[in-house]
Amino acid sequence: WLLWRWLRTPPGRSWWQNRALRLPIVGPLL
């Protein structure tokens, strides 16, 4: 729950978005 809340904040969203596109398989699809 804390991770989910943090990912909804601007810093958390920025952290996830910077790494999401680098994930194998999933990144290119995103």
PDB file of all heavy atoms in Angstrom:
ATOM      1  N   TRP A   1       0.832  -1.206   0.000  1.00  0.00           N
ATOM      2  CA  TRP A   1       0.000   0.000   0.000  1.00  0.00           C
ATOM      3  C   TRP A   1       0.867   1.256   0.000  1.00  0.00           C
ATOM      4  O   TRP A   1       0.584   2.221  -0.740  1.00  0.00           O
ATOM      5  CB  TRP A   1      -0.913  -0.012   1.222  1.00  0.00           C
ATOM      6  CG  TRP A   1      -1.811   1.191   1.324  1.00  0.00           C
ATOM      7  CD1 TRP A   1      -2.949   1.441   0.603  1.00  0.00           C
ATOM      8  CD2 TRP A   1      -1.630   2.321   2.188  1.00  0.00           C
ATOM      9  NE1 TRP A   1      -3.488   2.642   0.965  1.00  0.00           N
ATOM     10  CE2 TRP A   1      -2.705   3.210   1.942  1.00  0.00           C
ATOM     11  CE3 TRP A   1      -0.683   2.659   3.147  1.00  0.00           C
ATOM     12  CZ2 TRP A   1      -2.847   4.416   2.624  1.00  0.00           C
ATOM     13  CZ3 TRP A   1      -0.823   3.858   3.821  1.00  0.00           C
ATOM     14  CH2 TRP A   1      -1.888   4.712   3.562  1.00  0.00           C
ATOM     15  N   LEU A   2       1.936   1.279   0.808  1.00  0.00           N
ATOM     16  CA  LEU A   2       2.834   2.431   0.844  1.00  0.00           C
ATOM     17  C   LEU A   2       3.532   2.630  -0.503  1.00  0.00           C
ATOM     18  O   LEU A   2       3.684   3.770  -0.977  1.00  0.00           O
ATOM     19  CB  LEU A   2       3.875   2.256   1.951  1.00  0.00           C
ATOM     20  CG  LEU A   2       3.356   2.329   3.389  1.00  0.00           C
ATOM     21  CD1 LEU A   2       4.469   2.004   4.371  1.00  0.00           C
ATOM     22  CD2 LEU A   2       2.778   3.719   3.682  1.00  0.00           C
ATOM     23  N   LEU A   3       3.937   1.515  -1.128  1.00  0.00           N
ATOM     24  CA  LEU A   3       4.576   1.613  -2.442  1.00  0.00           C
ATOM     25  C   LEU A   3       3.605   2.159  -3.480  1.00  0.00           C
ATOM     26  O   LEU A   3       3.970   3.015  -4.299  1.00  0.00           O
ATOM     27  CB  LEU A   3       5.083   0.236  -2.873  1.00  0.00           C
ATOM     28  CG  LEU A   3       5.739   0.147  -4.259  1.00  0.00           C
ATOM     29  CD1 LEU A   3       6.983   1.027  -4.312  1.00  0.00           C
ATOM     30  CD2 LEU A   3       6.076  -1.289  -4.616  1.00  0.00           C
ATOM     31  N   TRP A   4       2.360   1.677  -3.425  1.00  0.00           N
ATOM     32  CA  TRP A   4       1.334   2.158  -4.360  1.00  0.00           C
ATOM     33  C   TRP A   4       1.087   3.652  -4.167  1.00  0.00           C
ATOM     34  O   TRP A   4       0.978   4.397  -5.143  1.00  0.00           O
ATOM     35  CB  TRP A   4       0.055   1.358  -4.152  1.00  0.00           C
ATOM     36  CG  TRP A   4      -1.093   1.808  -5.014  1.00  0.00           C
ATOM     37  CD1 TRP A   4      -1.279   1.564  -6.345  1.00  0.00           C
ATOM     38  CD2 TRP A   4      -2.218   2.590  -4.589  1.00  0.00           C
ATOM     39  NE1 TRP A   4      -2.440   2.145  -6.784  1.00  0.00           N
ATOM     40  CE2 TRP A   4      -3.041   2.784  -5.723  1.00  0.00           C
ATOM     41  CE3 TRP A   4      -2.617   3.141  -3.377  1.00  0.00           C
ATOM     42  CZ2 TRP A   4      -4.235   3.499  -5.677  1.00  0.00           C
ATOM     43  CZ3 TRP A   4      -3.798   3.857  -3.329  1.00  0.00           C
ATOM     44  CH2 TRP A   4      -4.593   4.031  -4.461  1.00  0.00           C
ATOM     45  N   ARG A   5       1.010   4.105  -2.906  1.00  0.00           N
ATOM     46  CA  ARG A   5       0.810   5.531  -2.639  1.00  0.00           C
ATOM     47  C   ARG A   5       1.997   6.346  -3.127  1.00  0.00           C
ATOM     48  O   ARG A   5       1.830   7.434  -3.694  1.00  0.00           O
ATOM     49  CB  ARG A   5       0.605   5.757  -1.132  1.00  0.00           C
ATOM     50  CG  ARG A   5      -0.715   5.250  -0.590  1.00  0.00           C
ATOM     51  CD  ARG A   5      -1.883   6.095  -1.079  1.00  0.00           C
ATOM     52  NE  ARG A   5      -1.724   7.487  -0.705  1.00  0.00           N
ATOM     53  CZ  ARG A   5      -2.171   8.017   0.436  1.00  0.00           C
ATOM     54  NH1 ARG A   5      -2.802   7.233   1.311  1.00  0.00           N
ATOM     55  NH2 ARG A   5      -2.013   9.289   0.698  1.00  0.00           N
ATOM     56  N   TRP A   6       3.204   5.821  -2.924  1.00  0.00           N
ATOM     57  CA  TRP A   6       4.393   6.558  -3.340  1.00  0.00           C
ATOM     58  C   TRP A   6       4.486   6.655  -4.861  1.00  0.00           C
ATOM     59  O   TRP A   6       4.872   7.683  -5.404  1.00  0.00           O
ATOM     60  CB  TRP A   6       5.643   5.884  -2.785  1.00  0.00           C
ATOM     61  CG  TRP A   6       6.909   6.601  -3.165  1.00  0.00           C
ATOM     62  CD1 TRP A   6       7.337   7.817  -2.685  1.00  0.00           C
ATOM     63  CD2 TRP A   6       7.899   6.174  -4.107  1.00  0.00           C
ATOM     64  NE1 TRP A   6       8.530   8.171  -3.270  1.00  0.00           N
ATOM     65  CE2 TRP A   6       8.903   7.181  -4.142  1.00  0.00           C
ATOM     66  CE3 TRP A   6       8.036   5.052  -4.893  1.00  0.00           C
ATOM     67  CZ2 TRP A   6      10.009   7.077  -4.964  1.00  0.00           C
ATOM     68  CZ3 TRP A   6       9.157   4.951  -5.717  1.00  0.00           C
ATOM     69  CH2 TRP A   6      10.127   5.956  -5.740  1.00  0.00           C
ATOM     70  N   LEU A   7       4.102   5.577  -5.557  1.00  0.00           N
ATOM     71  CA  LEU A   7       4.151   5.591  -7.017  1.00  0.00           C
ATOM     72  C   LEU A   7       3.151   6.574  -7.618  1.00  0.00           C
ATOM     73  O   LEU A   7       3.279   6.960  -8.778  1.00  0.00           O
ATOM     74  CB  LEU A   7       3.883   4.188  -7.572  1.00  0.00           C
ATOM     75  CG  LEU A   7       4.993   3.162  -7.349  1.00  0.00           C
ATOM     76  CD1 LEU A   7       4.560   1.792  -7.852  1.00  0.00           C
ATOM     77  CD2 LEU A   7       6.289   3.592  -8.050  1.00  0.00           C
ATOM     78  N   ARG A   8       2.148   6.984  -6.840  1.00  0.00           N
ATOM     79  CA  ARG A   8       1.175   7.971  -7.311  1.00  0.00           C
ATOM     80  C   ARG A   8       1.655   9.396  -7.112  1.00  0.00           C
ATOM     81  O   ARG A   8       1.036  10.335  -7.629  1.00  0.00           O
ATOM     82  CB  ARG A   8      -0.170   7.767  -6.604  1.00  0.00           C
ATOM     83  CG  ARG A   8      -0.865   6.467  -7.016  1.00  0.00           C
ATOM     84  CD  ARG A   8      -2.060   6.186  -6.124  1.00  0.00           C
ATOM     85  NE  ARG A   8      -3.071   7.227  -6.215  1.00  0.00           N
ATOM     86  CZ  ARG A   8      -4.074   7.213  -7.082  1.00  0.00           C
ATOM     87  NH1 ARG A   8      -4.181   6.201  -7.933  1.00  0.00           N
ATOM     88  NH2 ARG A   8      -4.968   8.175  -7.099  1.00  0.00           N
ATOM     89  N   THR A   9       2.742   9.576  -6.347  1.00  0.00           N
ATOM     90  CA  THR A   9       3.317  10.907  -6.159  1.00  0.00           C
ATOM     91  C   THR A   9       4.218  11.239  -7.348  1.00  0.00           C
ATOM     92  O   THR A   9       4.691  10.339  -8.048  1.00  0.00           O
ATOM     93  CB  THR A   9       4.132  10.964  -4.859  1.00  0.00           C
ATOM     94  OG1 THR A   9       5.244  10.062  -4.961  1.00  0.00           O
ATOM     95  CG2 THR A   9       3.266  10.578  -3.667  1.00  0.00           C
ATOM     96  N   PRO A  10       4.470  12.535  -7.612  1.00  0.00           N
ATOM     97  CA  PRO A  10       5.347  12.900  -8.739  1.00  0.00           C
ATOM     98  C   PRO A  10       6.718  12.234  -8.701  1.00  0.00           C
ATOM     99  O   PRO A  10       7.167  11.717  -9.726  1.00  0.00           O
ATOM    100  CB  PRO A  10       5.440  14.427  -8.625  1.00  0.00           C
ATOM    101  CG  PRO A  10       4.157  14.833  -7.971  1.00  0.00           C
ATOM    102  CD  PRO A  10       3.833  13.728  -7.001  1.00  0.00           C
ATOM    103  N   PRO A  11       7.431  12.207  -7.546  1.00  0.00           N
ATOM    104  CA  PRO A  11       8.730  11.510  -7.542  1.00  0.00           C
ATOM    105  C   PRO A  11       8.600  10.013  -7.832  1.00  0.00           C
ATOM    106  O   PRO A  11       9.400   9.448  -8.584  1.00  0.00           O
ATOM    107  CB  PRO A  11       9.265  11.757  -6.129  1.00  0.00           C
ATOM    108  CG  PRO A  11       8.527  12.942  -5.628  1.00  0.00           C
ATOM    109  CD  PRO A  11       7.177  12.863  -6.244  1.00  0.00           C
ATOM    110  N   GLY A  12       7.595   9.374  -7.218  1.00  0.00           N
ATOM    111  CA  GLY A  12       7.405   7.947  -7.446  1.00  0.00           C
ATOM    112  C   GLY A  12       7.022   7.646  -8.878  1.00  0.00           C
ATOM    113  O   GLY A  12       7.510   6.682  -9.485  1.00  0.00           O
ATOM    114  N   ARG A  13       6.138   8.476  -9.445  1.00  0.00           N
ATOM    115  CA  ARG A  13       5.730   8.267 -10.829  1.00  0.00           C
ATOM    116  C   ARG A  13       6.910   8.453 -11.769  1.00  0.00           C
ATOM    117  O   ARG A  13       7.090   7.693 -12.726  1.00  0.00           O
ATOM    118  CB  ARG A  13       4.605   9.245 -11.180  1.00  0.00           C
ATOM    119  CG  ARG A  13       3.912   8.945 -12.509  1.00  0.00           C
ATOM    120  CD  ARG A  13       2.808   9.951 -12.803  1.00  0.00           C
ATOM    121  NE  ARG A  13       1.801   9.951 -11.752  1.00  0.00           N
ATOM    122  CZ  ARG A  13       1.564  10.970 -10.950  1.00  0.00           C
ATOM    123  NH1 ARG A  13       2.280  12.078 -11.045  1.00  0.00           N
ATOM    124  NH2 ARG A  13       0.620  10.899 -10.036  1.00  0.00           N
ATOM    125  N   SER A  14       7.731   9.464 -11.481  1.00  0.00           N
ATOM    126  CA  SER A  14       8.914   9.699 -12.321  1.00  0.00           C
ATOM    127  C   SER A  14       9.895   8.539 -12.225  1.00  0.00           C
ATOM    128  O   SER A  14      10.456   8.104 -13.238  1.00  0.00           O
ATOM    129  CB  SER A  14       9.592  10.999 -11.892  1.00  0.00           C
ATOM    130  OG  SER A  14      10.779  11.207 -12.611  1.00  0.00           O
ATOM    131  N   TRP A  15      10.086   8.012 -11.010  1.00  0.00           N
ATOM    132  CA  TRP A  15      11.000   6.873 -10.821  1.00  0.00           C
ATOM    133  C   TRP A  15      10.526   5.665 -11.613  1.00  0.00           C
ATOM    134  O   TRP A  15      11.317   4.996 -12.278  1.00  0.00           O
ATOM    135  CB  TRP A  15      11.079   6.537  -9.333  1.00  0.00           C
ATOM    136  CG  TRP A  15      11.944   5.353  -9.021  1.00  0.00           C
ATOM    137  CD1 TRP A  15      13.289   5.347  -8.799  1.00  0.00           C
ATOM    138  CD2 TRP A  15      11.509   3.983  -8.905  1.00  0.00           C
ATOM    139  NE1 TRP A  15      13.723   4.070  -8.552  1.00  0.00           N
ATOM    140  CE2 TRP A  15      12.659   3.207  -8.613  1.00  0.00           C
ATOM    141  CE3 TRP A  15      10.276   3.350  -9.013  1.00  0.00           C
ATOM    142  CZ2 TRP A  15      12.587   1.832  -8.437  1.00  0.00           C
ATOM    143  CZ3 TRP A  15      10.209   1.979  -8.853  1.00  0.00           C
ATOM    144  CH2 TRP A  15      11.360   1.241  -8.560  1.00  0.00           C
ATOM    145  N   TRP A  16       9.219   5.378 -11.536  1.00  0.00           N
ATOM    146  CA  TRP A  16       8.696   4.207 -12.230  1.00  0.00           C
ATOM    147  C   TRP A  16       8.746   4.393 -13.750  1.00  0.00           C
ATOM    148  O   TRP A  16       9.125   3.477 -14.478  1.00  0.00           O
ATOM    149  CB  TRP A  16       7.261   3.946 -11.781  1.00  0.00           C
ATOM    150  CG  TRP A  16       6.523   2.988 -12.668  1.00  0.00           C
ATOM    151  CD1 TRP A  16       5.457   3.243 -13.465  1.00  0.00           C
ATOM    152  CD2 TRP A  16       6.822   1.602 -12.858  1.00  0.00           C
ATOM    153  NE1 TRP A  16       5.061   2.129 -14.137  1.00  0.00           N
ATOM    154  CE2 TRP A  16       5.890   1.094 -13.785  1.00  0.00           C
ATOM    155  CE3 TRP A  16       7.792   0.742 -12.340  1.00  0.00           C
ATOM    156  CZ2 TRP A  16       5.896  -0.232 -14.205  1.00  0.00           C
ATOM    157  CZ3 TRP A  16       7.797  -0.581 -12.769  1.00  0.00           C
ATOM    158  CH2 TRP A  16       6.865  -1.051 -13.674  1.00  0.00           C
ATOM    159  N   GLN A  17       8.377   5.581 -14.219  1.00  0.00           N
ATOM    160  CA  GLN A  17       8.357   5.814 -15.658  1.00  0.00           C
ATOM    161  C   GLN A  17       9.752   5.751 -16.261  1.00  0.00           C
ATOM    162  O   GLN A  17       9.913   5.309 -17.406  1.00  0.00           O
ATOM    163  CB  GLN A  17       7.712   7.172 -15.957  1.00  0.00           C
ATOM    164  CG  GLN A  17       6.211   7.193 -15.700  1.00  0.00           C
ATOM    165  CD  GLN A  17       5.611   8.560 -15.936  1.00  0.00           C
ATOM    166  OE1 GLN A  17       6.323   9.553 -16.136  1.00  0.00           O
ATOM    167  NE2 GLN A  17       4.290   8.644 -15.909  1.00  0.00           N
ATOM    168  N   ASN A  18      10.762   6.180 -15.510  1.00  0.00           N
ATOM    169  CA  ASN A  18      12.139   6.103 -16.022  1.00  0.00           C
ATOM    170  C   ASN A  18      12.609   4.666 -16.179  1.00  0.00           C
ATOM    171  O   ASN A  18      13.493   4.390 -17.005  1.00  0.00           O
ATOM    172  CB  ASN A  18      13.089   6.857 -15.087  1.00  0.00           C
ATOM    173  CG  ASN A  18      12.903   8.363 -15.182  1.00  0.00           C
ATOM    174  OD1 ASN A  18      12.444   8.887 -16.194  1.00  0.00           O
ATOM    175  ND2 ASN A  18      13.252   9.069 -14.116  1.00  0.00           N
ATOM    176  N   ARG A  19      12.060   3.771 -15.389  1.00  0.00           N
ATOM    177  CA  ARG A  19      12.496   2.370 -15.434  1.00  0.00           C
ATOM    178  C   ARG A  19      11.563   1.470 -16.225  1.00  0.00           C
ATOM    179  O   ARG A  19      11.973   0.401 -16.681  1.00  0.00           O
ATOM    180  CB  ARG A  19      12.629   1.840 -13.999  1.00  0.00           C
ATOM    181  CG  ARG A  19      13.864   2.381 -13.299  1.00  0.00           C
ATOM    182  CD  ARG A  19      13.746   2.362 -11.802  1.00  0.00           C
ATOM    183  NE  ARG A  19      14.966   2.891 -11.177  1.00  0.00           N
ATOM    184  CZ  ARG A  19      15.239   4.183 -11.092  1.00  0.00           C
ATOM    185  NH1 ARG A  19      14.385   5.083 -11.570  1.00  0.00           N
ATOM    186  NH2 ARG A  19      16.362   4.601 -10.526  1.00  0.00           N
ATOM    187  N   ALA A  20      10.311   1.894 -16.364  1.00  0.00           N
ATOM    188  CA  ALA A  20       9.332   1.032 -17.034  1.00  0.00           C
ATOM    189  C   ALA A  20       9.724   0.744 -18.476  1.00  0.00           C
ATOM    190  O   ALA A  20       9.594  -0.389 -18.951  1.00  0.00           O
ATOM    191  CB  ALA A  20       7.947   1.676 -16.978  1.00  0.00           C
ATOM    192  N   LEU A  21      10.216   1.784 -19.181  1.00  0.00           N
ATOM    193  CA  LEU A  21      10.564   1.601 -20.589  1.00  0.00           C
ATOM    194  C   LEU A  21      11.811   0.738 -20.767  1.00  0.00           C
ATOM    195  O   LEU A  21      12.092   0.287 -21.887  1.00  0.00           O
ATOM    196  CB  LEU A  21      10.770   2.955 -21.266  1.00  0.00           C
ATOM    197  CG  LEU A  21       9.551   3.883 -21.307  1.00  0.00           C
ATOM    198  CD1 LEU A  21       9.882   5.171 -22.044  1.00  0.00           C
ATOM    199  CD2 LEU A  21       8.362   3.196 -21.960  1.00  0.00           C
ATOM    200  N   ARG A  22      12.581   0.507 -19.690  1.00  0.00           N
ATOM    201  CA  ARG A  22      13.792  -0.309 -19.782  1.00  0.00           C
ATOM    202  C   ARG A  22      13.544  -1.772 -19.432  1.00  0.00           C
ATOM    203  O   ARG A  22      14.451  -2.595 -19.542  1.00  0.00           O
ATOM    204  CB  ARG A  22      14.869   0.248 -18.845  1.00  0.00           C
ATOM    205  CG  ARG A  22      15.209   1.709 -19.102  1.00  0.00           C
ATOM    206  CD  ARG A  22      16.166   2.219 -18.039  1.00  0.00           C
ATOM    207  NE  ARG A  22      16.323   3.673 -18.093  1.00  0.00           N
ATOM    208  CZ  ARG A  22      16.953   4.388 -17.180  1.00  0.00           C
ATOM    209  NH1 ARG A  22      17.494   3.780 -16.129  1.00  0.00           N
ATOM    210  NH2 ARG A  22      17.051   5.703 -17.295  1.00  0.00           N
ATOM    211  N   LEU A  23      12.338  -2.093 -19.005  1.00  0.00           N
ATOM    212  CA  LEU A  23      12.047  -3.471 -18.623  1.00  0.00           C
ATOM    213  C   LEU A  23      12.086  -4.374 -19.853  1.00  0.00           C
ATOM    214  O   LEU A  23      11.649  -3.985 -20.939  1.00  0.00           O
ATOM    215  CB  LEU A  23      10.656  -3.553 -17.979  1.00  0.00           C
ATOM    216  CG  LEU A  23      10.480  -2.846 -16.638  1.00  0.00           C
ATOM    217  CD1 LEU A  23       9.020  -2.907 -16.210  1.00  0.00           C
ATOM    218  CD2 LEU A  23      11.360  -3.497 -15.577  1.00  0.00           C
ATOM    219  N   PRO A  24      12.616  -5.583 -19.710  1.00  0.00           N
ATOM    220  CA  PRO A  24      12.598  -6.513 -20.848  1.00  0.00           C
ATOM    221  C   PRO A  24      11.169  -6.909 -21.200  1.00  0.00           C
ATOM    222  O   PRO A  24      10.323  -7.042 -20.319  1.00  0.00           O
ATOM    223  CB  PRO A  24      13.405  -7.720 -20.337  1.00  0.00           C
ATOM    224  CG  PRO A  24      13.337  -7.617 -18.838  1.00  0.00           C
ATOM    225  CD  PRO A  24      13.249  -6.159 -18.514  1.00  0.00           C
ATOM    226  N   ILE A  25      10.904  -7.062 -22.461  1.00  0.00           N
ATOM    227  CA  ILE A  25       9.607  -7.474 -23.024  1.00  0.00           C
ATOM    228  C   ILE A  25       8.551  -6.390 -22.813  1.00  0.00           C
ATOM    229  O   ILE A  25       7.941  -5.902 -23.772  1.00  0.00           O
ATOM    230  CB  ILE A  25       9.123  -8.823 -22.436  1.00  0.00           C
ATOM    231  CG1 ILE A  25      10.154  -9.917 -22.696  1.00  0.00           C
ATOM    232  CG2 ILE A  25       7.764  -9.195 -23.014  1.00  0.00           C
ATOM    233  CD1 ILE A  25       9.781 -11.256 -22.073  1.00  0.00           C
ATOM    234  N   VAL A  26       8.319  -5.999 -21.551  1.00  0.00           N
ATOM    235  CA  VAL A  26       7.259  -5.029 -21.256  1.00  0.00           C
ATOM    236  C   VAL A  26       7.641  -3.625 -21.728  1.00  0.00           C
ATOM    237  O   VAL A  26       6.794  -2.887 -22.240  1.00  0.00           O
ATOM    238  CB  VAL A  26       6.954  -5.018 -19.740  1.00  0.00           C
ATOM    239  CG1 VAL A  26       5.896  -3.968 -19.412  1.00  0.00           C
ATOM    240  CG2 VAL A  26       6.493  -6.394 -19.291  1.00  0.00           C
ATOM    241  N   GLY A  27       8.922  -3.232 -21.561  1.00  0.00           N
ATOM    242  CA  GLY A  27       9.356  -1.889 -21.909  1.00  0.00           C
ATOM    243  C   GLY A  27       9.055  -1.492 -23.347  1.00  0.00           C
ATOM    244  O   GLY A  27       8.441  -0.440 -23.585  1.00  0.00           O
ATOM    245  N   PRO A  28       9.464  -2.299 -24.339  1.00  0.00           N
ATOM    246  CA  PRO A  28       9.160  -1.941 -25.731  1.00  0.00           C
ATOM    247  C   PRO A  28       7.663  -1.828 -26.015  1.00  0.00           C
ATOM    248  O   PRO A  28       7.244  -0.997 -26.825  1.00  0.00           O
ATOM    249  CB  PRO A  28       9.790  -3.093 -26.527  1.00  0.00           C
ATOM    250  CG  PRO A  28      10.875  -3.614 -25.644  1.00  0.00           C
ATOM    251  CD  PRO A  28      10.354  -3.459 -24.254  1.00  0.00           C
ATOM    252  N   LEU A  29       6.850  -2.654 -25.341  1.00  0.00           N
ATOM    253  CA  LEU A  29       5.403  -2.574 -25.545  1.00  0.00           C
ATOM    254  C   LEU A  29       4.842  -1.266 -24.996  1.00  0.00           C
ATOM    255  O   LEU A  29       3.998  -0.624 -25.629  1.00  0.00           O
ATOM    256  CB  LEU A  29       4.715  -3.764 -24.875  1.00  0.00           C
ATOM    257  CG  LEU A  29       4.989  -5.137 -25.495  1.00  0.00           C
ATOM    258  CD1 LEU A  29       4.267  -6.229 -24.712  1.00  0.00           C
ATOM    259  CD2 LEU A  29       4.554  -5.165 -26.950  1.00  0.00           C
ATOM    260  N   LEU A  30       5.304  -0.868 -23.804  1.00  0.00           N
ATOM    261  CA  LEU A  30       4.871   0.410 -23.240  1.00  0.00           C
ATOM    262  C   LEU A  30       5.308   1.575 -24.126  1.00  0.00           C
ATOM    263  O   LEU A  30       4.560   2.537 -24.329  1.00  0.00           O
ATOM    264  CB  LEU A  30       5.447   0.582 -21.826  1.00  0.00           C
ATOM    265  CG  LEU A  30       4.894  -0.356 -20.748  1.00  0.00           C
ATOM    266  CD1 LEU A  30       5.661  -0.153 -19.442  1.00  0.00           C
ATOM    267  CD2 LEU A  30       3.412  -0.112 -20.532  1.00  0.00           C
TER     268      LEU A  30
END
